[in-house]
Every structure is written in structure tokens, then in C-alpha cells.
Full PDB file with SEQRES, HELIX, SHEET, SSBOND, CRYST1, ORIGX, SCALE, CONECT and MASTER records, all heavy atoms in Angstrom:
SEQRES   1 A   33  ALA TYR TYR LYS TRP SER GLY SER GLY GLY THR ASP LEU          
SEQRES   2 A   33  ASP ASP ASN ARG LYS PHE ASP ARG PHE ASP LEU GLN VAL          
SEQRES   3 A   33  ARG VAL GLU GLN HIS ASP PRO                                  
CRYST1    1.000    1.000    1.000  90.00  90.00  90.00 P 1           1          
ORIGX1      1.000000  0.000000  0.000000        0.00000                         
ORIGX2      0.000000  1.000000  0.000000        0.00000                         
ORIGX3      0.000000  0.000000  1.000000        0.00000                         
SCALE1      1.000000  0.000000  0.000000        0.00000                         
SCALE2      0.000000  1.000000  0.000000        0.00000                         
SCALE3      0.000000  0.000000  1.000000        0.00000                         
ATOM      1  N   ALA A   1       6.677  -7.927   3.947  1.00  0.00           N  
ATOM      2  CA  ALA A   1       6.798  -6.828   2.987  1.00  0.00           C  
ATOM      3  C   ALA A   1       7.162  -5.581   3.783  1.00  0.00           C  
ATOM      4  O   ALA A   1       6.402  -5.154   4.658  1.00  0.00           O  
ATOM      5  CB  ALA A   1       5.494  -6.626   2.235  1.00  0.00           C  
ATOM      6  N   TYR A   2       8.338  -5.027   3.512  1.00  0.00           N  
ATOM      7  CA  TYR A   2       8.768  -3.772   4.126  1.00  0.00           C  
ATOM      8  C   TYR A   2       8.464  -2.666   3.117  1.00  0.00           C  
ATOM      9  O   TYR A   2       8.847  -2.778   1.952  1.00  0.00           O  
ATOM     10  CB  TYR A   2      10.268  -3.803   4.430  1.00  0.00           C  
ATOM     11  CG  TYR A   2      10.629  -4.842   5.453  1.00  0.00           C  
ATOM     12  CD1 TYR A   2      11.023  -6.118   5.064  1.00  0.00           C  
ATOM     13  CD2 TYR A   2      10.574  -4.554   6.817  1.00  0.00           C  
ATOM     14  CE1 TYR A   2      11.354  -7.079   6.004  1.00  0.00           C  
ATOM     15  CE2 TYR A   2      10.900  -5.505   7.760  1.00  0.00           C  
ATOM     16  CZ  TYR A   2      11.289  -6.772   7.348  1.00  0.00           C  
ATOM     17  OH  TYR A   2      11.607  -7.727   8.283  1.00  0.00           O  
ATOM     18  N   TYR A   3       7.783  -1.618   3.556  1.00  0.00           N  
ATOM     19  CA  TYR A   3       7.406  -0.556   2.627  1.00  0.00           C  
ATOM     20  C   TYR A   3       7.774   0.805   3.202  1.00  0.00           C  
ATOM     21  O   TYR A   3       7.852   0.994   4.410  1.00  0.00           O  
ATOM     22  CB  TYR A   3       5.914  -0.623   2.285  1.00  0.00           C  
ATOM     23  CG  TYR A   3       4.987  -0.529   3.465  1.00  0.00           C  
ATOM     24  CD1 TYR A   3       4.480   0.711   3.878  1.00  0.00           C  
ATOM     25  CD2 TYR A   3       4.604  -1.666   4.166  1.00  0.00           C  
ATOM     26  CE1 TYR A   3       3.616   0.802   4.950  1.00  0.00           C  
ATOM     27  CE2 TYR A   3       3.742  -1.574   5.246  1.00  0.00           C  
ATOM     28  CZ  TYR A   3       3.260  -0.341   5.639  1.00  0.00           C  
ATOM     29  OH  TYR A   3       2.409  -0.250   6.710  1.00  0.00           O  
ATOM     30  N   LYS A   4       8.017   1.731   2.276  1.00  0.00           N  
ATOM     31  CA  LYS A   4       8.258   3.128   2.659  1.00  0.00           C  
ATOM     32  C   LYS A   4       7.704   4.006   1.549  1.00  0.00           C  
ATOM     33  O   LYS A   4       7.568   3.564   0.398  1.00  0.00           O  
ATOM     34  CB  LYS A   4       9.744   3.381   2.909  1.00  0.00           C  
ATOM     35  CG  LYS A   4      10.669   3.017   1.772  1.00  0.00           C  
ATOM     36  CD  LYS A   4      12.127   3.141   2.184  1.00  0.00           C  
ATOM     37  CE  LYS A   4      13.053   2.742   1.046  1.00  0.00           C  
ATOM     38  NZ  LYS A   4      14.465   2.870   1.425  1.00  0.00           N  
ATOM     39  N   TRP A   5       7.363   5.226   1.904  1.00  0.00           N  
ATOM     40  CA  TRP A   5       6.804   6.138   0.919  1.00  0.00           C  
ATOM     41  C   TRP A   5       7.244   7.568   1.215  1.00  0.00           C  
ATOM     42  O   TRP A   5       7.671   7.884   2.310  1.00  0.00           O  
ATOM     43  CB  TRP A   5       5.277   6.053   0.901  1.00  0.00           C  
ATOM     44  CG  TRP A   5       4.621   6.650   2.103  1.00  0.00           C  
ATOM     45  CD1 TRP A   5       4.214   7.946   2.253  1.00  0.00           C  
ATOM     46  CD2 TRP A   5       4.323   5.998   3.338  1.00  0.00           C  
ATOM     47  NE1 TRP A   5       3.669   8.141   3.504  1.00  0.00           N  
ATOM     48  CE2 TRP A   5       3.733   6.951   4.189  1.00  0.00           C  
ATOM     49  CE3 TRP A   5       4.492   4.697   3.802  1.00  0.00           C  
ATOM     50  CZ2 TRP A   5       3.317   6.639   5.469  1.00  0.00           C  
ATOM     51  CZ3 TRP A   5       4.078   4.396   5.082  1.00  0.00           C  
ATOM     52  CH2 TRP A   5       3.500   5.358   5.896  1.00  0.00           C  
ATOM     53  N   SER A   6       7.101   8.406   0.189  1.00  0.00           N  
ATOM     54  CA  SER A   6       7.370   9.838   0.349  1.00  0.00           C  
ATOM     55  C   SER A   6       6.492  10.611  -0.627  1.00  0.00           C  
ATOM     56  O   SER A   6       6.041  10.076  -1.638  1.00  0.00           O  
ATOM     57  CB  SER A   6       8.854  10.151   0.105  1.00  0.00           C  
ATOM     58  OG  SER A   6       9.197   9.848  -1.231  1.00  0.00           O  
ATOM     59  N   GLY A   7       6.252  11.879  -0.288  1.00  0.00           N  
ATOM     60  CA  GLY A   7       5.509  12.772  -1.174  1.00  0.00           C  
ATOM     61  C   GLY A   7       4.016  12.711  -1.020  1.00  0.00           C  
ATOM     62  O   GLY A   7       3.284  13.193  -1.889  1.00  0.00           O  
ATOM     63  N   SER A   8       3.534  12.148   0.056  1.00  0.00           N  
ATOM     64  CA  SER A   8       2.096  12.025   0.206  1.00  0.00           C  
ATOM     65  C   SER A   8       1.506  13.243   0.915  1.00  0.00           C  
ATOM     66  O   SER A   8       2.222  14.182   1.258  1.00  0.00           O  
ATOM     67  CB  SER A   8       1.756  10.747   0.975  1.00  0.00           C  
ATOM     68  OG  SER A   8       0.358  10.520   0.913  1.00  0.00           O  
ATOM     69  N   GLY A   9       0.206  13.172   1.151  1.00  0.00           N  
ATOM     70  CA  GLY A   9      -0.503  14.307   1.728  1.00  0.00           C  
ATOM     71  C   GLY A   9      -0.625  14.234   3.232  1.00  0.00           C  
ATOM     72  O   GLY A   9       0.048  13.453   3.889  1.00  0.00           O  
ATOM     73  N   GLY A  10      -1.521  15.016   3.774  1.00  0.00           N  
ATOM     74  CA  GLY A  10      -1.720  15.072   5.197  1.00  0.00           C  
ATOM     75  C   GLY A  10      -3.152  14.819   5.600  1.00  0.00           C  
ATOM     76  O   GLY A  10      -3.562  15.169   6.697  1.00  0.00           O  
ATOM     77  N   THR A  11      -3.951  14.210   4.717  1.00  0.00           N  
ATOM     78  CA  THR A  11      -5.362  13.992   5.033  1.00  0.00           C  
ATOM     79  C   THR A  11      -5.875  12.721   4.367  1.00  0.00           C  
ATOM     80  O   THR A  11      -5.336  12.268   3.361  1.00  0.00           O  
ATOM     81  CB  THR A  11      -6.235  15.184   4.576  1.00  0.00           C  
ATOM     82  OG1 THR A  11      -7.596  14.928   4.966  1.00  0.00           O  
ATOM     83  CG2 THR A  11      -6.176  15.390   3.086  1.00  0.00           C  
ATOM     84  N   ASP A  12      -6.920  12.158   4.954  1.00  0.00           N  
ATOM     85  CA  ASP A  12      -7.576  10.993   4.376  1.00  0.00           C  
ATOM     86  C   ASP A  12      -9.003  11.337   3.950  1.00  0.00           C  
ATOM     87  O   ASP A  12      -9.804  10.461   3.685  1.00  0.00           O  
ATOM     88  CB  ASP A  12      -7.573   9.828   5.380  1.00  0.00           C  
ATOM     89  CG  ASP A  12      -7.911   8.506   4.710  1.00  0.00           C  
ATOM     90  OD1 ASP A  12      -7.391   8.242   3.611  1.00  0.00           O  
ATOM     91  OD2 ASP A  12      -8.705   7.723   5.286  1.00  0.00           O  
ATOM     92  N   LEU A  13      -9.309  12.625   3.883  1.00  0.00           N  
ATOM     93  CA  LEU A  13     -10.643  13.053   3.469  1.00  0.00           C  
ATOM     94  C   LEU A  13     -10.821  12.876   1.965  1.00  0.00           C  
ATOM     95  O   LEU A  13      -9.926  13.179   1.177  1.00  0.00           O  
ATOM     96  CB  LEU A  13     -10.870  14.515   3.840  1.00  0.00           C  
ATOM     97  CG  LEU A  13     -10.849  14.837   5.337  1.00  0.00           C  
ATOM     98  CD1 LEU A  13     -10.926  16.338   5.544  1.00  0.00           C  
ATOM     99  CD2 LEU A  13     -11.990  14.112   6.042  1.00  0.00           C  
ATOM    100  N   ASP A  14     -11.980  12.390   1.586  1.00  0.00           N  
ATOM    101  CA  ASP A  14     -12.262  12.191   0.163  1.00  0.00           C  
ATOM    102  C   ASP A  14     -12.086  13.496  -0.599  1.00  0.00           C  
ATOM    103  O   ASP A  14     -12.394  14.567  -0.094  1.00  0.00           O  
ATOM    104  CB  ASP A  14     -13.689  11.661  -0.003  1.00  0.00           C  
ATOM    105  CG  ASP A  14     -13.924  11.105  -1.403  1.00  0.00           C  
ATOM    106  OD1 ASP A  14     -12.937  10.752  -2.079  1.00  0.00           O  
ATOM    107  OD2 ASP A  14     -15.088  11.005  -1.804  1.00  0.00           O  
ATOM    108  N   ASP A  15     -11.567  13.403  -1.789  1.00  0.00           N  
ATOM    109  CA  ASP A  15     -11.249  14.515  -2.694  1.00  0.00           C  
ATOM    110  C   ASP A  15     -10.031  15.321  -2.259  1.00  0.00           C  
ATOM    111  O   ASP A  15      -9.683  16.295  -2.911  1.00  0.00           O  
ATOM    112  CB  ASP A  15     -12.450  15.455  -2.895  1.00  0.00           C  
ATOM    113  CG  ASP A  15     -13.551  14.809  -3.729  1.00  0.00           C  
ATOM    114  OD1 ASP A  15     -13.244  13.897  -4.521  1.00  0.00           O  
ATOM    115  OD2 ASP A  15     -14.707  15.213  -3.579  1.00  0.00           O  
ATOM    116  N   ASN A  16      -9.396  14.936  -1.163  1.00  0.00           N  
ATOM    117  CA  ASN A  16      -8.163  15.590  -0.724  1.00  0.00           C  
ATOM    118  C   ASN A  16      -7.040  14.587  -0.463  1.00  0.00           C  
ATOM    119  O   ASN A  16      -5.957  14.971  -0.082  1.00  0.00           O  
ATOM    120  CB  ASN A  16      -8.404  16.393   0.562  1.00  0.00           C  
ATOM    121  CG  ASN A  16      -9.263  17.600   0.293  1.00  0.00           C  
ATOM    122  OD1 ASN A  16      -9.056  18.313  -0.681  1.00  0.00           O  
ATOM    123  ND2 ASN A  16     -10.242  17.823   1.143  1.00  0.00           N  
ATOM    124  N   ARG A  17      -7.313  13.325  -0.638  1.00  0.00           N  
ATOM    125  CA  ARG A  17      -6.321  12.295  -0.351  1.00  0.00           C  
ATOM    126  C   ARG A  17      -5.624  11.847  -1.634  1.00  0.00           C  
ATOM    127  O   ARG A  17      -6.000  12.254  -2.732  1.00  0.00           O  
ATOM    128  CB  ARG A  17      -6.969  11.116   0.358  1.00  0.00           C  
ATOM    129  CG  ARG A  17      -8.056  10.436  -0.450  1.00  0.00           C  
ATOM    130  CD  ARG A  17      -8.702   9.328   0.348  1.00  0.00           C  
ATOM    131  NE  ARG A  17      -9.900   8.835  -0.294  1.00  0.00           N  
ATOM    132  CZ  ARG A  17     -10.985   8.482   0.352  1.00  0.00           C  
ATOM    133  NH1 ARG A  17     -11.051   8.577   1.666  1.00  0.00           N  
ATOM    134  NH2 ARG A  17     -12.035   8.032  -0.297  1.00  0.00           N  
ATOM    135  N   LYS A  18      -4.631  10.998  -1.478  1.00  0.00           N  
ATOM    136  CA  LYS A  18      -3.888  10.472  -2.627  1.00  0.00           C  
ATOM    137  C   LYS A  18      -4.500   9.173  -3.157  1.00  0.00           C  
ATOM    138  O   LYS A  18      -4.567   8.972  -4.361  1.00  0.00           O  
ATOM    139  CB  LYS A  18      -2.427  10.214  -2.233  1.00  0.00           C  
ATOM    140  CG  LYS A  18      -1.689  11.467  -1.785  1.00  0.00           C  
ATOM    141  CD  LYS A  18      -1.509  12.426  -2.927  1.00  0.00           C  
ATOM    142  CE  LYS A  18      -0.668  13.617  -2.505  1.00  0.00           C  
ATOM    143  NZ  LYS A  18      -0.230  14.407  -3.628  1.00  0.00           N  
ATOM    144  N   PHE A  19      -4.915   8.298  -2.245  1.00  0.00           N  
ATOM    145  CA  PHE A  19      -5.433   6.988  -2.656  1.00  0.00           C  
ATOM    146  C   PHE A  19      -6.791   6.706  -2.032  1.00  0.00           C  
ATOM    147  O   PHE A  19      -7.024   7.004  -0.864  1.00  0.00           O  
ATOM    148  CB  PHE A  19      -4.471   5.865  -2.215  1.00  0.00           C  
ATOM    149  CG  PHE A  19      -3.140   5.909  -2.909  1.00  0.00           C  
ATOM    150  CD1 PHE A  19      -2.041   6.487  -2.283  1.00  0.00           C  
ATOM    151  CD2 PHE A  19      -2.973   5.372  -4.171  1.00  0.00           C  
ATOM    152  CE1 PHE A  19      -0.803   6.532  -2.907  1.00  0.00           C  
ATOM    153  CE2 PHE A  19      -1.744   5.411  -4.801  1.00  0.00           C  
ATOM    154  CZ  PHE A  19      -0.656   5.993  -4.170  1.00  0.00           C  
ATOM    155  N   ASP A  20      -7.679   6.105  -2.829  1.00  0.00           N  
ATOM    156  CA  ASP A  20      -8.926   5.564  -2.301  1.00  0.00           C  
ATOM    157  C   ASP A  20      -8.692   4.154  -1.755  1.00  0.00           C  
ATOM    158  O   ASP A  20      -9.449   3.674  -0.920  1.00  0.00           O  
ATOM    159  CB  ASP A  20      -9.996   5.486  -3.394  1.00  0.00           C  
ATOM    160  CG  ASP A  20     -10.475   6.864  -3.814  1.00  0.00           C  
ATOM    161  OD1 ASP A  20     -10.497   7.765  -2.961  1.00  0.00           O  
ATOM    162  OD2 ASP A  20     -10.813   7.031  -5.001  1.00  0.00           O  
ATOM    163  N   ARG A  21      -7.646   3.500  -2.249  1.00  0.00           N  
ATOM    164  CA  ARG A  21      -7.307   2.134  -1.826  1.00  0.00           C  
ATOM    165  C   ARG A  21      -5.815   1.920  -2.011  1.00  0.00           C  
ATOM    166  O   ARG A  21      -5.246   2.337  -3.020  1.00  0.00           O  
ATOM    167  CB  ARG A  21      -8.089   1.132  -2.673  1.00  0.00           C  
ATOM    168  CG  ARG A  21      -7.804  -0.312  -2.368  1.00  0.00           C  
ATOM    169  CD  ARG A  21      -8.644  -1.205  -3.262  1.00  0.00           C  
ATOM    170  NE  ARG A  21      -8.415  -2.595  -2.942  1.00  0.00           N  
ATOM    171  CZ  ARG A  21      -8.916  -3.595  -3.638  1.00  0.00           C  
ATOM    172  NH1 ARG A  21      -9.693  -3.349  -4.682  1.00  0.00           N  
ATOM    173  NH2 ARG A  21      -8.653  -4.835  -3.290  1.00  0.00           N  
ATOM    174  N   PHE A  22      -5.190   1.273  -1.029  1.00  0.00           N  
ATOM    175  CA  PHE A  22      -3.791   0.859  -1.157  1.00  0.00           C  
ATOM    176  C   PHE A  22      -3.609  -0.376  -0.274  1.00  0.00           C  
ATOM    177  O   PHE A  22      -3.319  -0.281   0.911  1.00  0.00           O  
ATOM    178  CB  PHE A  22      -2.811   1.965  -0.743  1.00  0.00           C  
ATOM    179  CG  PHE A  22      -1.447   1.794  -1.356  1.00  0.00           C  
ATOM    180  CD1 PHE A  22      -1.101   2.500  -2.500  1.00  0.00           C  
ATOM    181  CD2 PHE A  22      -0.517   0.926  -0.793  1.00  0.00           C  
ATOM    182  CE1 PHE A  22       0.152   2.344  -3.077  1.00  0.00           C  
ATOM    183  CE2 PHE A  22       0.739   0.763  -1.363  1.00  0.00           C  
ATOM    184  CZ  PHE A  22       1.074   1.477  -2.503  1.00  0.00           C  
ATOM    185  N   ASP A  23      -3.848  -1.549  -0.861  1.00  0.00           N  
ATOM    186  CA  ASP A  23      -3.769  -2.830  -0.161  1.00  0.00           C  
ATOM    187  C   ASP A  23      -2.501  -3.563  -0.575  1.00  0.00           C  
ATOM    188  O   ASP A  23      -2.292  -3.831  -1.761  1.00  0.00           O  
ATOM    189  CB  ASP A  23      -4.974  -3.710  -0.484  1.00  0.00           C  
ATOM    190  CG  ASP A  23      -6.277  -3.161   0.076  1.00  0.00           C  
ATOM    191  OD1 ASP A  23      -6.218  -2.407   1.060  1.00  0.00           O  
ATOM    192  OD2 ASP A  23      -7.340  -3.485  -0.479  1.00  0.00           O  
ATOM    193  N   LEU A  24      -1.690  -3.891   0.397  1.00  0.00           N  
ATOM    194  CA  LEU A  24      -0.447  -4.622   0.177  1.00  0.00           C  
ATOM    195  C   LEU A  24      -0.653  -6.066   0.604  1.00  0.00           C  
ATOM    196  O   LEU A  24      -0.936  -6.349   1.768  1.00  0.00           O  
ATOM    197  CB  LEU A  24       0.687  -3.982   0.981  1.00  0.00           C  
ATOM    198  CG  LEU A  24       2.025  -4.696   1.039  1.00  0.00           C  
ATOM    199  CD1 LEU A  24       2.589  -4.928  -0.364  1.00  0.00           C  
ATOM    200  CD2 LEU A  24       3.007  -3.898   1.879  1.00  0.00           C  
ATOM    201  N   GLN A  25      -0.561  -6.988  -0.355  1.00  0.00           N  
ATOM    202  CA  GLN A  25      -0.686  -8.409  -0.048  1.00  0.00           C  
ATOM    203  C   GLN A  25       0.700  -9.036  -0.021  1.00  0.00           C  
ATOM    204  O   GLN A  25       1.501  -8.831  -0.943  1.00  0.00           O  
ATOM    205  CB  GLN A  25      -1.528  -9.129  -1.099  1.00  0.00           C  
ATOM    206  CG  GLN A  25      -1.677 -10.620  -0.793  1.00  0.00           C  
ATOM    207  CD  GLN A  25      -2.200 -11.417  -1.963  1.00  0.00           C  
ATOM    208  OE1 GLN A  25      -1.750 -11.231  -3.084  1.00  0.00           O  
ATOM    209  NE2 GLN A  25      -3.137 -12.305  -1.701  1.00  0.00           N  
ATOM    210  N   VAL A  26       0.994  -9.801   1.038  1.00  0.00           N  
ATOM    211  CA  VAL A  26       2.246 -10.554   1.135  1.00  0.00           C  
ATOM    212  C   VAL A  26       1.878 -12.034   1.224  1.00  0.00           C  
ATOM    213  O   VAL A  26       0.891 -12.401   1.873  1.00  0.00           O  
ATOM    214  CB  VAL A  26       3.110 -10.090   2.338  1.00  0.00           C  
ATOM    215  CG1 VAL A  26       2.407 -10.319   3.649  1.00  0.00           C  
ATOM    216  CG2 VAL A  26       4.476 -10.743   2.319  1.00  0.00           C  
ATOM    217  N   ARG A  27       2.660 -12.880   0.528  1.00  0.00           N  
ATOM    218  CA  ARG A  27       2.351 -14.306   0.478  1.00  0.00           C  
ATOM    219  C   ARG A  27       3.578 -15.144   0.845  1.00  0.00           C  
ATOM    220  O   ARG A  27       4.695 -14.813   0.443  1.00  0.00           O  
ATOM    221  CB  ARG A  27       1.892 -14.704  -0.928  1.00  0.00           C  
ATOM    222  CG  ARG A  27       0.649 -13.999  -1.395  1.00  0.00           C  
ATOM    223  CD  ARG A  27       0.161 -14.522  -2.735  1.00  0.00           C  
ATOM    224  NE  ARG A  27       1.093 -14.321  -3.824  1.00  0.00           N  
ATOM    225  CZ  ARG A  27       1.159 -13.221  -4.576  1.00  0.00           C  
ATOM    226  NH1 ARG A  27       0.361 -12.194  -4.323  1.00  0.00           N  
ATOM    227  NH2 ARG A  27       2.015 -13.142  -5.571  1.00  0.00           N  
ATOM    228  N   VAL A  28       3.330 -16.226   1.565  1.00  0.00           N  
ATOM    229  CA  VAL A  28       4.343 -17.249   1.809  1.00  0.00           C  
ATOM    230  C   VAL A  28       4.097 -18.317   0.755  1.00  0.00           C  
ATOM    231  O   VAL A  28       3.007 -18.894   0.707  1.00  0.00           O  
ATOM    232  CB  VAL A  28       4.214 -17.867   3.220  1.00  0.00           C  
ATOM    233  CG1 VAL A  28       5.273 -18.942   3.426  1.00  0.00           C  
ATOM    234  CG2 VAL A  28       4.302 -16.804   4.298  1.00  0.00           C  
ATOM    235  N   GLU A  29       5.098 -18.540  -0.105  1.00  0.00           N  
ATOM    236  CA  GLU A  29       4.931 -19.520  -1.185  1.00  0.00           C  
ATOM    237  C   GLU A  29       5.968 -20.631  -1.069  1.00  0.00           C  
ATOM    238  O   GLU A  29       7.133 -20.381  -0.787  1.00  0.00           O  
ATOM    239  CB  GLU A  29       5.060 -18.841  -2.545  1.00  0.00           C  
ATOM    240  CG  GLU A  29       3.953 -17.838  -2.803  1.00  0.00           C  
ATOM    241  CD  GLU A  29       3.984 -17.223  -4.191  1.00  0.00           C  
ATOM    242  OE1 GLU A  29       4.986 -17.390  -4.915  1.00  0.00           O  
ATOM    243  OE2 GLU A  29       2.998 -16.567  -4.552  1.00  0.00           O  
ATOM    244  N   GLN A  30       5.484 -21.858  -1.296  1.00  0.00           N  
ATOM    245  CA  GLN A  30       6.358 -23.028  -1.326  1.00  0.00           C  
ATOM    246  C   GLN A  30       6.522 -23.436  -2.781  1.00  0.00           C  
ATOM    247  O   GLN A  30       5.548 -23.454  -3.540  1.00  0.00           O  
ATOM    248  CB  GLN A  30       5.733 -24.167  -0.521  1.00  0.00           C  
ATOM    249  CG  GLN A  30       6.612 -25.397  -0.422  1.00  0.00           C  
ATOM    250  CD  GLN A  30       5.931 -26.497   0.374  1.00  0.00           C  
ATOM    251  OE1 GLN A  30       4.738 -26.729   0.239  1.00  0.00           O  
ATOM    252  NE2 GLN A  30       6.705 -27.171   1.219  1.00  0.00           N  
ATOM    253  N   HIS A  31       7.767 -23.738  -3.171  1.00  0.00           N  
ATOM    254  CA  HIS A  31       8.018 -24.105  -4.560  1.00  0.00           C  
ATOM    255  C   HIS A  31       8.143 -25.616  -4.684  1.00  0.00           C  
ATOM    256  O   HIS A  31       8.989 -26.238  -4.059  1.00  0.00           O  
ATOM    257  CB  HIS A  31       9.293 -23.448  -5.089  1.00  0.00           C  
ATOM    258  CG  HIS A  31       9.539 -23.772  -6.525  1.00  0.00           C  
ATOM    259  ND1 HIS A  31       8.816 -23.190  -7.544  1.00  0.00           N  
ATOM    260  CD2 HIS A  31      10.381 -24.645  -7.101  1.00  0.00           C  
ATOM    261  CE1 HIS A  31       9.236 -23.685  -8.699  1.00  0.00           C  
ATOM    262  NE2 HIS A  31      10.180 -24.570  -8.452  1.00  0.00           N  
ATOM    263  N   ASP A  32       7.271 -26.196  -5.486  1.00  0.00           N  
ATOM    264  CA  ASP A  32       7.320 -27.618  -5.812  1.00  0.00           C  
ATOM    265  C   ASP A  32       7.819 -27.727  -7.236  1.00  0.00           C  
ATOM    266  O   ASP A  32       7.227 -27.136  -8.141  1.00  0.00           O  
ATOM    267  CB  ASP A  32       5.918 -28.222  -5.683  1.00  0.00           C  
ATOM    268  CG  ASP A  32       5.910 -29.719  -5.913  1.00  0.00           C  
ATOM    269  OD1 ASP A  32       6.465 -30.177  -6.940  1.00  0.00           O  
ATOM    270  OD2 ASP A  32       5.341 -30.434  -5.068  1.00  0.00           O  
ATOM    271  N   PRO A  33       8.913 -28.464  -7.479  1.00  0.00           N  
ATOM    272  CA  PRO A  33       9.472 -28.529  -8.835  1.00  0.00           C  
ATOM    273  C   PRO A  33       8.503 -29.079  -9.886  1.00  0.00           C  
ATOM    274  O   PRO A  33       8.625 -28.774 -11.069  1.00  0.00           O  
ATOM    275  CB  PRO A  33      10.695 -29.439  -8.693  1.00  0.00           C  
ATOM    276  CG  PRO A  33      10.723 -29.929  -7.301  1.00  0.00           C  
ATOM    277  CD  PRO A  33       9.668 -29.240  -6.515  1.00  0.00           C  
TER     278      PRO A  33                                                      
MASTER        0    0    0    0    0    0    0    6  277    1    0    3          
END                                                                             
């Protein structure tokens, strides 16, 4: 998963940040017909 972002803040302090959580899950999936 390639990600990019813009417009965010400059701190991770509570009540001053943008997100409390941002988890990116990537999966390898095999397709069986």
C-alpha cells in the first residue's frame, strides 16, 4: 500500500492532532474460482 497525504498538522498531542487512530491494513489475497 503506497500512501500520501496533505493538509495535516504538526503535532501528535491529544486535542491538537488530526487523528486518534489511522491504521492501514494491506493484504495478500489468493483468488480461488
